[in-house]
């Protein structure tokens, strides 16, 4: 019962709102139709009054013509006045112009008719010295009569101008609204609908909002449901009336009421659906809350256990990160350890030469041979610069501090790497072939870190030729594009797809950590370059380091 009461109340509300919309829209439509109807009616009335007033002005003008008075007094021929009336009627569009005597007899006419006029109000007014007007007995003409005064002030006759009403109607046919003009008796004299000629239609009156609404059965061209408006025209003794079709306003009001009702019904159905769904969700939510309450204790325990596992995993990740950093540094120090014997030999030779040159310089100075002593001192300075360069490259290699990508001379990088690995290559009897441009080759990178990559590739190449009869390493530097190529005469790569994976190594245990190529891959990628390794067609391994070209940098003066 409760649900039925809600549905009934909702439907009543929808009907009420739709009714209000219908009433409001219909009222607005009727007001708009009334405003337009008054405008059309006023325009039609002005046109008719103007046409009939032209006939009245014409009668007054002719009544003042001396030839008309002369004709009435016998001083002029009637035929002359008839010609005047005929010419004037043709120009003015009048159906006939008649010169009448006070007793109703015709003195002259444009049509040649001599039939006496019946007694009418317009003739009585004219014979009494006033302007007369009114419809003809058959209602097909409108008559304007102006008195003709004699020289003594007496009425000598009247000029009567007949205006054909069908001629006026002809220009109104086809207008959308039904317009008609009726006399005080209700007889329709002028109309643009043939069905309305004669007696004005009454129909069934339906007053609404202070308007005169009528339901008519007057013909197919007369609106069935119409708004009736009227405008008195005392200047011509007629009443102008119009029938405005209100079917469009009624259809619009009904359509809007139906649309609003439909929208409200859809909204109501949606609200009912949402309400039912909300009830369903509320029941489901209650069941879910009961289940959640049952699982809360279990989830709390599991959450505590998971927090402990997360903490342990974070500690393990931190330990792994530290171990990886230590392994990277150990890999670099391992490479330095492998090169330590050659480095010691490389530094020992300049030290021995320094001692020898210093002793000779002392002897030359004691003998006064300053020129020979200066040469020895110059050689000592060259050896010191060489030792400083070797130590500086080793120290930079050991630190391997991060560098931004800047324009770098690859020829200087190649020279530095060759100098660091020179002792080992020479000590193990490895033939080194270097092909490089004479001028600088510029690319985006960092001198120290690119030297680290090249040292790693050269060291691996030397290791790869360890058990070969011909031990050879080829290094090529090209300018376009900037690229290093390191090739050896070893056995080649067993698994080229895995060479850049961390901890991948083909060396025996204790001879490497397998991080060199992985570190080199990260350095080259960080500079926007590409490093690749493959087996050469005629044997051995070939590594390529390709970098992004850079604009040349001018050296400071």
Protein backbone atom coordinates (compact mmCIF):
# COMPACT_ATOMS: atom_id res chain seq x y z
CA UNK A 1 0.00 0.00 0.00
CA UNK A 2 2.83 2.38 0.83
CA UNK A 3 4.47 1.81 -2.55
CA UNK A 4 1.12 2.21 -4.34
CA UNK A 5 0.51 5.51 -2.55
CA UNK A 6 3.93 6.78 -3.62
CA UNK A 7 3.32 5.80 -7.24
CA UNK A 8 -0.14 7.41 -7.24
CA UNK A 9 1.21 10.61 -5.71
CA UNK A 10 4.04 10.75 -8.22
CA UNK A 11 1.70 10.28 -11.20
CA UNK A 12 -0.61 13.00 -9.83
CA UNK A 13 2.37 15.34 -9.48
CA UNK A 14 3.50 14.59 -13.03
CA UNK A 15 0.00 15.29 -14.33
CA UNK A 16 -0.17 18.53 -12.37
CA UNK A 17 3.20 19.77 -13.63
CA UNK A 18 2.29 18.82 -17.21
CA UNK A 19 -1.02 20.67 -16.85
CA UNK A 20 0.75 23.80 -15.59
CA UNK A 21 3.20 23.61 -18.50
CA UNK A 22 0.30 23.16 -20.93
CA UNK A 23 -1.62 26.12 -19.49
CA UNK A 24 1.45 28.39 -19.38
CA UNK A 25 2.62 27.48 -22.90
CA UNK A 26 -0.90 27.81 -24.32
CA UNK A 27 -1.32 31.21 -22.66
CA UNK A 28 1.98 32.42 -24.10
CA UNK A 29 1.01 31.09 -27.53
CA UNK A 30 -2.41 32.74 -27.40
CA UNK A 31 -0.90 36.05 -26.30
CA UNK A 32 1.56 35.90 -29.19
CA UNK A 33 -1.24 34.97 -31.62
CA UNK A 34 -3.39 37.83 -30.29
CA UNK A 35 -0.57 40.34 -30.70
CA UNK A 36 0.10 39.24 -34.26
CA UNK A 37 -3.64 39.15 -35.02
CA UNK A 38 -4.13 42.73 -33.79
CA UNK A 39 -1.22 43.83 -35.94
CA UNK A 40 -2.62 42.10 -39.05
CA UNK A 41 -6.12 43.40 -38.34
CA UNK A 42 -4.91 46.97 -37.89
CA UNK A 43 -2.95 46.76 -41.13
CA UNK A 44 -5.98 45.40 -43.08
CA UNK A 45 -8.29 48.03 -41.57
CA UNK A 46 -5.89 50.82 -42.51
CA UNK A 47 -5.77 49.55 -46.08
CA UNK A 48 -9.58 49.44 -46.41
CA UNK A 49 -10.08 52.83 -44.76
CA UNK A 50 -7.45 54.31 -47.06
CA UNK A 51 -9.16 52.89 -50.16
CA UNK A 52 -12.59 54.17 -49.10
CA UNK A 53 -11.28 57.56 -47.96
CA UNK A 54 -9.77 58.04 -51.40
CA UNK A 55 -13.27 57.65 -52.84
CA UNK A 56 -14.64 60.14 -50.28
CA UNK A 57 -11.90 62.68 -51.10
CA UNK A 58 -12.64 62.18 -54.80
CA UNK A 59 -16.34 62.99 -54.26
CA UNK A 60 -15.44 66.15 -52.32
CA UNK A 61 -13.00 67.20 -55.04
CA UNK A 62 -15.59 66.75 -57.81
CA UNK A 63 -18.28 68.55 -55.78
CA UNK A 64 -16.09 71.67 -55.79
CA UNK A 65 -15.61 71.56 -59.58
CA UNK A 66 -17.59 74.53 -61.21
CA UNK A 67 -18.50 72.35 -64.19
CA UNK A 68 -20.49 70.04 -61.94
CA UNK A 69 -22.51 72.95 -60.52
CA UNK A 70 -23.05 74.36 -64.04
CA UNK A 71 -24.44 71.01 -65.13
CA UNK A 72 -26.93 70.97 -62.23
CA UNK A 73 -28.07 74.56 -62.96
CA UNK A 74 -28.37 73.96 -66.74
CA UNK A 75 -25.43 76.18 -67.67
CA UNK A 76 -23.41 73.27 -69.07
CA UNK A 77 -24.24 70.21 -71.10
CA UNK A 78 -24.72 66.97 -69.18
CA UNK A 79 -22.56 65.17 -71.73
CA UNK A 80 -19.55 67.31 -70.82
CA UNK A 81 -19.90 66.48 -67.13
CA UNK A 82 -20.42 62.78 -68.00
CA UNK A 83 -17.10 62.82 -69.86
CA UNK A 84 -15.44 64.39 -66.81
CA UNK A 85 -16.96 61.77 -64.49
CA UNK A 86 -15.98 58.91 -66.81
CA UNK A 87 -12.36 60.07 -67.10
CA UNK A 88 -12.11 60.56 -63.34
CA UNK A 89 -13.61 57.11 -62.62
CA UNK A 90 -11.11 55.48 -64.96
CA UNK A 91 -8.17 57.19 -63.28
CA UNK A 92 -9.39 56.57 -59.68
CA UNK A 93 -10.57 52.97 -60.20
CA UNK A 94 -14.16 53.77 -59.14
CA UNK A 95 -16.91 51.50 -60.42
CA UNK A 96 -19.15 54.52 -61.14
CA UNK A 97 -19.46 58.25 -60.40
CA UNK A 98 -22.94 59.75 -60.43
CA UNK A 99 -24.11 63.38 -60.29
CA UNK A 100 -27.53 63.39 -58.59
CA UNK A 101 -30.18 66.02 -57.92
CA UNK A 102 -31.63 66.46 -54.42
CA UNK A 103 -34.71 64.41 -55.35
CA UNK A 104 -32.60 61.39 -56.34
CA UNK A 105 -32.72 61.85 -60.10
CA UNK A 106 -29.47 61.28 -62.04
CA UNK A 107 -28.13 64.34 -63.81
CA UNK A 108 -25.02 62.58 -65.26
CA UNK A 109 -22.99 59.43 -64.63
CA UNK A 110 -19.74 57.84 -65.71
CA UNK A 111 -21.52 54.62 -66.70
CA UNK A 112 -24.33 56.41 -68.60
CA UNK A 113 -26.99 55.03 -66.27
CA UNK A 114 -29.99 57.37 -65.60
CA UNK A 115 -31.68 55.17 -63.01
CA UNK A 116 -32.77 57.14 -59.94
CA UNK A 117 -31.09 56.18 -56.68
CA UNK A 118 -33.24 54.70 -53.93
CA UNK A 119 -33.65 56.59 -50.74
CA UNK A 120 -30.65 55.87 -48.53
CA UNK A 121 -29.02 57.39 -45.49
CA UNK A 122 -25.99 58.49 -47.49
CA UNK A 123 -28.26 60.42 -49.93
CA UNK A 124 -30.21 62.04 -47.11
CA UNK A 125 -26.99 63.22 -45.45
CA UNK A 126 -25.70 64.63 -48.73
CA UNK A 127 -28.91 66.53 -49.48
CA UNK A 128 -28.70 68.02 -45.99
CA UNK A 129 -25.18 69.33 -46.72
CA UNK A 130 -23.10 66.60 -45.00
CA UNK A 131 -20.86 63.84 -46.29
CA UNK A 132 -22.73 60.59 -46.70
CA UNK A 133 -21.34 57.05 -46.85
CA UNK A 134 -22.55 53.49 -46.62
CA UNK A 135 -22.85 50.22 -48.47
CA UNK A 136 -25.10 49.65 -51.45
CA UNK A 137 -28.25 47.59 -50.91
CA UNK A 138 -26.60 44.45 -52.36
CA UNK A 139 -23.47 45.04 -50.28
CA UNK A 140 -21.14 44.87 -53.29
CA UNK A 141 -20.26 48.56 -53.38
CA UNK A 142 -19.39 51.25 -50.87
CA UNK A 143 -20.84 54.69 -51.61
CA UNK A 144 -19.44 58.10 -50.70
CA UNK A 145 -21.63 61.16 -51.39
CA UNK A 146 -20.52 64.81 -51.19
CA UNK A 147 -23.03 67.73 -51.47
CA UNK A 148 -22.74 70.24 -54.30
CA UNK A 149 -23.53 73.72 -53.03
CA UNK A 150 -25.10 76.44 -55.22
CA UNK A 151 -23.77 79.96 -55.14
CA UNK A 152 -26.50 80.93 -52.71
CA UNK A 153 -25.41 78.17 -50.28
CA UNK A 154 -28.25 75.81 -50.99
CA UNK A 155 -27.61 72.12 -51.83
CA UNK A 156 -27.95 71.82 -55.60
CA UNK A 157 -27.18 68.10 -55.75
CA UNK A 158 -24.58 65.47 -54.77
CA UNK A 159 -21.58 63.72 -56.31
CA UNK A 160 -21.75 59.96 -55.55
CA UNK A 161 -18.62 57.79 -55.95
CA UNK A 162 -19.21 54.02 -55.97
CA UNK A 163 -16.22 51.85 -54.95
CA UNK A 164 -16.41 48.16 -55.85
CA UNK A 165 -15.73 46.03 -52.75
CA UNK A 166 -14.84 42.84 -54.74
CA UNK A 167 -12.08 44.83 -56.43
CA UNK A 168 -10.61 45.65 -53.01
CA UNK A 169 -10.99 42.03 -51.85
CA UNK A 170 -9.08 40.72 -54.85
CA UNK A 171 -5.76 42.05 -53.51
CA UNK A 172 -6.27 40.30 -50.12
CA UNK A 173 -6.78 36.74 -51.34
CA UNK A 174 -4.22 34.22 -50.12
CA UNK A 175 -3.49 35.86 -46.77
CA UNK A 176 -3.03 33.32 -43.94
CA UNK A 177 -5.58 34.88 -41.57
CA UNK A 178 -9.31 35.11 -42.18
CA UNK A 179 -10.24 38.84 -42.13
CA UNK A 180 -13.69 40.35 -42.72
CA UNK A 181 -15.54 43.67 -42.28
CA UNK A 182 -19.15 43.76 -41.15
CA UNK A 183 -21.78 46.48 -40.83
CA UNK A 184 -23.78 47.16 -37.63
CA UNK A 185 -26.30 44.48 -38.62
CA UNK A 186 -23.58 41.82 -38.71
CA UNK A 187 -23.55 41.47 -42.50
CA UNK A 188 -20.08 40.78 -43.91
CA UNK A 189 -19.33 43.22 -46.72
CA UNK A 190 -15.57 42.71 -47.30
CA UNK A 191 -13.59 39.51 -46.64
CA UNK A 192 -10.67 37.46 -47.95
CA UNK A 193 -12.62 34.20 -47.42
CA UNK A 194 -15.58 33.54 -49.69
CA UNK A 195 -17.12 31.27 -47.03
CA UNK A 196 -17.58 34.26 -44.69
CA UNK A 197 -19.53 36.45 -47.10
CA UNK A 198 -22.96 37.34 -45.84
CA UNK A 199 -23.60 36.78 -42.13
CA UNK A 200 -20.59 36.74 -39.75
CA UNK A 201 -19.96 33.29 -38.20
CA UNK A 202 -20.65 32.93 -34.52
CA UNK A 203 -19.71 29.33 -33.71
CA UNK A 204 -19.28 28.11 -30.14
CA UNK A 205 -17.63 30.66 -27.86
CA UNK A 206 -14.96 29.32 -25.48
CA UNK A 207 -13.69 32.21 -23.30
CA UNK A 208 -10.17 31.65 -22.00
CA UNK A 209 -7.69 34.01 -20.32
CA UNK A 210 -9.90 36.98 -21.25
CA UNK A 211 -9.79 36.09 -24.97
CA UNK A 212 -12.67 35.31 -27.34
CA UNK A 213 -11.99 31.77 -28.57
CA UNK A 214 -14.43 30.18 -30.99
CA UNK A 215 -14.98 26.72 -32.44
CA UNK A 216 -16.29 27.17 -36.01
CA UNK A 217 -17.58 25.08 -38.87
CA UNK A 218 -17.38 27.65 -41.69
CA UNK A 219 -15.36 25.89 -44.39
CA UNK A 220 -11.96 24.39 -45.11
CA UNK A 221 -10.22 27.78 -45.37
CA UNK A 222 -11.62 29.10 -42.09
CA UNK A 223 -9.83 27.87 -38.94
CA UNK A 224 -11.82 25.39 -36.88
CA UNK A 225 -10.38 26.67 -33.59
CA UNK A 226 -9.87 30.41 -33.81
CA UNK A 227 -9.14 33.49 -31.74
CA UNK A 228 -11.65 36.23 -32.63
CA UNK A 229 -10.51 39.86 -32.57
CA UNK A 230 -12.39 42.95 -33.70
CA UNK A 231 -11.63 46.63 -34.29
CA UNK A 232 -14.41 49.26 -34.71
CA UNK A 233 -13.99 51.63 -37.67
CA UNK A 234 -16.43 54.49 -37.04
CA UNK A 235 -14.94 56.54 -39.86
CA UNK A 236 -16.51 54.15 -42.40
CA UNK A 237 -19.25 52.67 -40.18
CA UNK A 238 -17.84 49.11 -40.25
CA UNK A 239 -16.18 46.72 -37.82
CA UNK A 240 -12.93 44.94 -38.75
CA UNK A 241 -12.74 41.34 -37.51
CA UNK A 242 -10.11 38.56 -37.75
CA UNK A 243 -10.05 34.81 -36.99
CA UNK A 244 -6.56 33.68 -35.91
CA UNK A 245 -5.85 29.94 -36.09
CA UNK A 246 -4.84 28.71 -32.61
CA UNK A 247 -4.18 25.07 -33.56
CA UNK A 248 -0.36 25.66 -33.69
CA UNK A 249 -0.41 27.13 -30.18
CA UNK A 250 -2.51 24.22 -28.90
CA UNK A 251 -0.22 21.64 -30.55
CA UNK A 252 2.87 23.34 -29.12
CA UNK A 253 1.37 23.46 -25.63
CA UNK A 254 0.37 19.80 -25.82
CA UNK A 255 3.79 18.78 -27.15
CA UNK A 256 5.61 20.62 -24.36
CA UNK A 257 3.28 19.20 -21.72
CA UNK A 258 3.81 15.67 -23.06
CA UNK A 259 7.58 16.23 -23.24
CA UNK A 260 7.76 17.51 -19.66
CA UNK A 261 5.56 14.63 -18.50
CA UNK A 262 7.76 12.13 -20.32
CA UNK A 263 10.91 13.64 -18.84
CA UNK A 264 9.41 13.53 -15.37
CA UNK A 265 8.33 9.92 -15.90
CA UNK A 266 11.85 8.99 -17.02
CA UNK A 267 13.34 10.82 -14.05
CA UNK A 268 10.84 9.13 -11.75
CA UNK A 269 11.65 5.72 -13.21
CA UNK A 270 15.37 6.43 -12.82
CA UNK A 271 14.86 7.52 -9.22
CA UNK A 272 12.79 4.42 -8.53
CA UNK A 273 15.49 2.27 -10.07
CA UNK A 274 18.19 4.03 -8.04
CA UNK A 275 16.14 3.70 -4.88
CA UNK A 276 15.66 -0.03 -5.45
CA UNK A 277 19.33 -0.39 -6.30
CA UNK A 278 20.29 1.55 -3.21
CA UNK A 279 18.23 -0.82 -1.08
CA UNK A 280 19.89 -3.78 -2.75
CA UNK A 281 23.32 -2.23 -2.24
CA UNK A 282 22.49 -1.46 1.37
CA UNK A 283 21.63 -5.11 1.99
CA UNK A 284 24.76 -6.23 0.17
CA UNK A 285 26.83 -3.69 2.11
CA UNK A 286 25.47 -5.00 5.38
CA UNK A 287 26.43 -8.54 4.40
CA UNK A 288 29.84 -7.35 3.25
CA UNK A 289 30.46 -5.51 6.51
CA UNK A 290 29.63 -8.68 8.40
CA UNK A 291 32.13 -10.62 6.31
CA UNK A 292 34.73 -7.88 6.70
CA UNK A 293 34.28 -7.98 10.43
CA UNK A 294 34.93 -11.74 10.37
CA UNK A 295 38.12 -11.28 8.35
CA UNK A 296 39.48 -8.24 10.18
CA UNK A 297 41.44 -10.25 12.73
CA UNK A 298 42.96 -12.49 10.04
CA UNK A 299 43.90 -9.51 7.88
CA UNK A 300 45.48 -7.70 10.83
CA UNK A 301 47.67 -10.71 11.54
CA UNK A 302 48.58 -11.09 7.88
CA UNK A 303 49.32 -7.35 7.63
CA UNK A 304 51.71 -7.53 10.55
CA UNK A 305 53.45 -10.51 8.99
CA UNK A 306 53.69 -8.74 5.61
CA UNK A 307 55.18 -5.62 7.25
CA UNK A 308 57.89 -7.80 8.74
CA UNK A 309 58.61 -9.38 5.37
CA UNK A 310 58.72 -5.97 3.67
CA UNK A 311 61.17 -4.70 6.26
CA UNK A 312 63.39 -7.74 5.75
CA UNK A 313 63.26 -7.36 1.97
CA UNK A 314 64.16 -3.66 2.19
CA UNK A 315 67.14 -4.52 4.37
CA UNK A 316 68.15 -7.22 1.84
CA UNK A 317 67.78 -4.73 -1.07
CA UNK A 318 69.94 -2.19 0.75
CA UNK A 319 72.58 -4.86 1.40
CA UNK A 320 72.42 -5.94 -2.24
CA UNK A 321 72.85 -2.33 -3.41
CA UNK A 322 75.90 -1.90 -1.21
CA UNK A 323 77.30 -5.22 -2.41
CA UNK A 324 76.82 -4.24 -6.04
CA UNK A 325 78.59 -0.93 -5.47
CA UNK A 326 81.46 -2.74 -3.74
CA UNK A 327 81.63 -5.27 -6.58
CA UNK A 328 81.82 -2.50 -9.19
CA UNK A 329 84.64 -0.84 -7.29
CA UNK A 330 86.32 -4.22 -6.78
CA UNK A 331 86.12 -4.86 -10.52
CA UNK A 332 87.92 -1.60 -11.22
CA UNK A 333 90.54 -2.28 -8.57
CA UNK A 334 90.94 -5.80 -9.95
CA UNK A 335 91.73 -4.35 -13.35
CA UNK A 336 94.24 -2.00 -11.76
CA UNK A 337 95.75 -4.97 -9.89
CA UNK A 338 96.16 -6.91 -13.12
CA UNK A 339 97.95 -3.93 -14.65
CA UNK A 340 100.04 -3.19 -11.52
CA UNK A 341 103.13 -5.12 -12.69
CA UNK A 342 103.23 -3.33 -16.00
CA UNK A 343 102.54 -0.02 -14.30
CA UNK A 344 105.40 -0.62 -11.84
CA UNK A 345 107.72 -1.42 -14.75
CA UNK A 346 106.43 1.63 -16.63
CA UNK A 347 107.19 3.87 -13.64
CA UNK A 348 110.44 2.12 -12.68
CA UNK A 349 112.10 2.81 -16.05
CA UNK A 350 111.52 6.62 -15.85
CA UNK A 351 112.74 6.60 -12.23
CA UNK A 352 115.99 4.85 -13.17
CA UNK A 353 116.42 7.19 -16.13
CA UNK A 354 115.76 10.17 -13.80
CA UNK A 355 118.54 9.02 -11.46
CA UNK A 356 120.95 8.52 -14.37
CA UNK A 357 120.15 11.88 -15.99
CA UNK A 358 120.36 13.65 -12.63
CA UNK A 359 123.81 12.19 -11.97
CA UNK A 360 125.02 13.10 -15.44
CA UNK A 361 123.65 16.63 -15.05
CA UNK A 362 125.57 17.01 -11.79
CA UNK A 363 128.79 15.84 -13.49
CA UNK A 364 128.22 18.20 -16.44
CA UNK A 365 127.66 21.12 -14.08
CA UNK A 366 130.91 20.32 -12.18
CA UNK A 367 132.75 20.35 -15.51
CA UNK A 368 131.04 23.58 -16.51
CA UNK A 369 129.21 22.02 -19.46
CA UNK A 370 125.90 23.80 -18.88
CA UNK A 371 124.55 23.00 -22.33
CA UNK A 372 124.75 19.22 -21.75
CA UNK A 373 123.36 19.67 -18.23
CA UNK A 374 120.37 21.63 -19.67
CA UNK A 375 119.63 18.80 -22.11
CA UNK A 376 119.66 16.30 -19.24
CA UNK A 377 117.37 18.51 -17.18
CA UNK A 378 114.95 18.81 -20.15
CA UNK A 379 114.88 14.99 -20.42
CA UNK A 380 114.24 14.79 -16.67
CA UNK A 381 111.25 17.18 -17.09
CA UNK A 382 109.83 15.09 -19.98
CA UNK A 383 110.14 11.91 -17.87
CA UNK A 384 108.42 13.64 -14.92
CA UNK A 385 105.54 14.77 -17.15
CA UNK A 386 105.18 11.23 -18.50
CA UNK A 387 105.09 9.77 -14.97
CA UNK A 388 102.56 12.45 -13.90
CA UNK A 389 100.31 11.68 -16.87
CA UNK A 390 100.39 7.93 -16.09
CA UNK A 391 99.58 8.55 -12.41
CA UNK A 392 96.82 11.05 -13.27
CA UNK A 393 95.12 8.61 -15.67
CA UNK A 394 95.32 5.81 -13.09
CA UNK A 395 93.89 8.02 -10.35
CA UNK A 396 90.98 9.16 -12.59
CA UNK A 397 90.34 5.54 -13.60
CA UNK A 398 90.25 4.43 -9.97
CA UNK A 399 87.77 7.18 -8.91
CA UNK A 400 85.47 6.94 -11.97
CA UNK A 401 83.48 9.98 -10.85
CA UNK A 402 80.21 10.72 -12.78
CA UNK A 403 80.63 13.10 -15.68
CA UNK A 404 78.01 14.96 -17.74
CA UNK A 405 77.97 14.45 -21.49
CA UNK A 406 80.13 17.20 -23.01
CA UNK A 407 81.98 17.55 -26.31
CA UNK A 408 85.03 15.24 -25.94
CA UNK A 409 88.03 14.57 -28.19
CA UNK A 410 88.05 10.81 -28.83
CA UNK A 411 91.65 10.94 -30.00
CA UNK A 412 92.69 12.07 -26.49
CA UNK A 413 90.52 9.29 -24.98
CA UNK A 414 92.24 6.71 -27.22
CA UNK A 415 95.70 8.02 -26.35
CA UNK A 416 94.94 7.87 -22.61
CA UNK A 417 93.60 4.30 -22.80
CA UNK A 418 96.55 3.11 -24.87
CA UNK A 419 98.99 4.69 -22.40
CA UNK A 420 97.30 3.01 -19.39
CA UNK A 421 97.38 -0.44 -21.05
CA UNK A 422 100.73 -0.01 -22.81
CA UNK A 423 102.77 -1.78 -20.14
CA UNK A 424 100.57 -4.89 -20.10
CA UNK A 425 100.31 -5.14 -23.87
CA UNK A 426 104.03 -4.78 -24.24
CA UNK A 427 104.76 -7.17 -21.38
CA UNK A 428 102.59 -9.95 -22.85
CA UNK A 429 103.82 -9.40 -26.40
CA UNK A 430 100.47 -8.37 -27.88
CA UNK A 431 100.72 -6.65 -31.25
CA UNK A 432 98.59 -3.50 -31.29
CA UNK A 433 97.41 -1.89 -34.53
CA UNK A 434 95.86 1.57 -34.19
CA UNK A 435 93.99 3.37 -36.99
CA UNK A 436 92.83 6.91 -36.15
CA UNK A 437 92.44 10.33 -37.81
CA UNK A 438 95.27 12.83 -37.38
CA UNK A 439 92.96 15.57 -36.12
CA UNK A 440 90.52 15.55 -33.17
CA UNK A 441 87.27 13.59 -33.35
CA UNK A 442 84.47 15.22 -31.29
CA UNK A 443 81.61 13.34 -29.66
CA UNK A 444 79.30 13.73 -26.65
CA UNK A 445 80.78 11.97 -23.60
CA UNK A 446 83.38 12.27 -20.82
CA UNK A 447 87.09 11.73 -21.27
CA UNK A 448 87.71 9.76 -18.05
CA UNK A 449 84.67 7.45 -18.31
CA UNK A 450 85.13 6.79 -22.02
CA UNK A 451 88.76 5.98 -21.26
CA UNK A 452 87.49 3.49 -18.63
CA UNK A 453 85.30 1.83 -21.31
CA UNK A 454 88.19 1.64 -23.79
CA UNK A 455 90.63 0.32 -21.14
CA UNK A 456 88.12 -2.40 -20.28
CA UNK A 457 87.72 -3.41 -23.95
CA UNK A 458 91.52 -3.41 -24.51
CA UNK A 459 92.10 -5.46 -21.35
CA UNK A 460 89.46 -8.00 -22.39
CA UNK A 461 91.01 -8.17 -25.89
CA UNK A 462 94.45 -8.90 -24.39
CA UNK A 463 92.93 -11.60 -22.15
CA UNK A 464 91.13 -13.17 -25.15
CA UNK A 465 94.46 -13.70 -27.04
CA UNK A 466 96.19 -15.37 -24.12
CA UNK A 467 96.32 -18.91 -25.60
CA UNK A 468 96.64 -17.88 -29.26
CA UNK A 469 99.77 -18.27 -31.41
CA UNK A 470 99.23 -14.83 -32.90
CA UNK A 471 98.31 -12.28 -30.28
CA UNK A 472 96.92 -9.18 -31.99
CA UNK A 473 94.58 -6.31 -31.04
CA UNK A 474 93.25 -3.83 -33.61
CA UNK A 475 91.81 -0.45 -32.56
CA UNK A 476 90.02 1.75 -35.12
CA UNK A 477 88.63 5.26 -34.60
CA UNK A 478 86.34 6.77 -37.24
CA UNK A 479 85.05 10.32 -37.42
CA UNK A 480 81.66 9.95 -39.19
CA UNK A 481 80.03 8.63 -37.15
CA UNK A 482 82.26 8.91 -34.05
CA UNK A 483 83.01 5.24 -33.35
CA UNK A 484 85.60 3.01 -31.63
CA UNK A 485 86.15 -0.56 -32.90
CA UNK A 486 88.26 -2.99 -30.82
CA UNK A 487 89.00 -6.35 -32.44
CA UNK A 488 91.14 -9.24 -31.16
CA UNK A 489 92.54 -12.50 -32.58
CA UNK A 490 91.06 -14.67 -29.83
CA UNK A 491 88.50 -17.49 -29.96
CA UNK A 492 85.48 -15.18 -30.14
CA UNK A 493 82.35 -14.86 -27.99
CA UNK A 494 80.59 -18.01 -26.75
CA UNK A 495 77.25 -16.23 -26.03
CA UNK A 496 77.10 -12.76 -27.66
CA UNK A 497 73.56 -12.14 -26.33
CA UNK A 498 74.66 -12.32 -22.67
CA UNK A 499 77.96 -10.45 -22.70
CA UNK A 500 76.49 -7.26 -21.15
CA UNK A 501 74.66 -9.06 -18.31
CA UNK A 502 76.08 -8.40 -14.82
CA UNK A 503 78.46 -11.11 -13.51
CA UNK A 504 78.70 -12.81 -16.92
CA UNK A 505 82.32 -13.96 -17.46
CA UNK A 506 84.21 -16.65 -19.40
CA UNK A 507 87.34 -16.28 -17.27
CA UNK A 508 88.38 -18.69 -14.55
CA UNK A 509 87.29 -18.11 -10.97
CA UNK A 510 89.36 -15.37 -9.37
CA UNK A 511 90.27 -13.69 -12.67
CA UNK A 512 87.29 -11.35 -12.95
CA UNK A 513 83.86 -10.44 -11.60
CA UNK A 514 82.01 -10.19 -14.92
CA UNK A 515 81.05 -6.55 -14.37
CA UNK A 516 83.35 -4.77 -16.83
CA UNK A 517 81.13 -4.95 -19.91
CA UNK A 518 77.99 -4.26 -17.84
CA UNK A 519 79.61 -1.10 -16.44
CA UNK A 520 80.77 -0.09 -19.93
CA UNK A 521 77.24 -0.60 -21.27
CA UNK A 522 75.82 1.73 -18.61
CA UNK A 523 78.48 4.41 -19.27
CA UNK A 524 77.94 4.44 -23.06
CA UNK A 525 74.13 4.39 -22.72
CA UNK A 526 74.30 7.29 -20.26
CA UNK A 527 76.08 9.36 -22.94
CA UNK A 528 73.35 8.50 -25.48
CA UNK A 529 75.59 6.11 -27.38
CA UNK A 530 75.48 2.41 -28.26
CA UNK A 531 77.89 -0.45 -27.54
CA UNK A 532 77.67 -3.83 -29.28
CA UNK A 533 79.73 -7.01 -29.50
CA UNK A 534 79.84 -9.78 -32.08
CA UNK A 535 82.08 -12.45 -33.55
CA UNK A 536 84.13 -11.19 -36.50
CA UNK A 537 83.67 -13.10 -39.81
CA UNK A 538 87.33 -14.21 -39.93
CA UNK A 539 87.62 -15.03 -36.23
CA UNK A 540 87.95 -13.20 -32.95
CA UNK A 541 85.63 -10.81 -31.15
CA UNK A 542 84.73 -7.31 -32.29
CA UNK A 543 83.31 -4.58 -30.03
CA UNK A 544 81.89 -1.30 -31.37
CA UNK A 545 81.23 1.89 -29.37
CA UNK A 546 79.24 4.48 -31.34
CA UNK A 547 78.62 7.95 -29.86
CA UNK A 548 76.67 11.10 -30.74
CA UNK A 549 78.66 13.59 -32.81
CA UNK A 550 79.42 16.97 -31.22
CA UNK A 551 80.50 20.38 -32.51
CA UNK A 552 84.24 21.08 -32.29
CA UNK A 553 85.48 22.96 -29.22
CA UNK A 554 88.07 25.68 -29.72
CA UNK A 555 91.07 25.33 -27.44
CA UNK A 556 91.91 28.27 -25.21
CA UNK A 557 94.93 30.29 -26.38
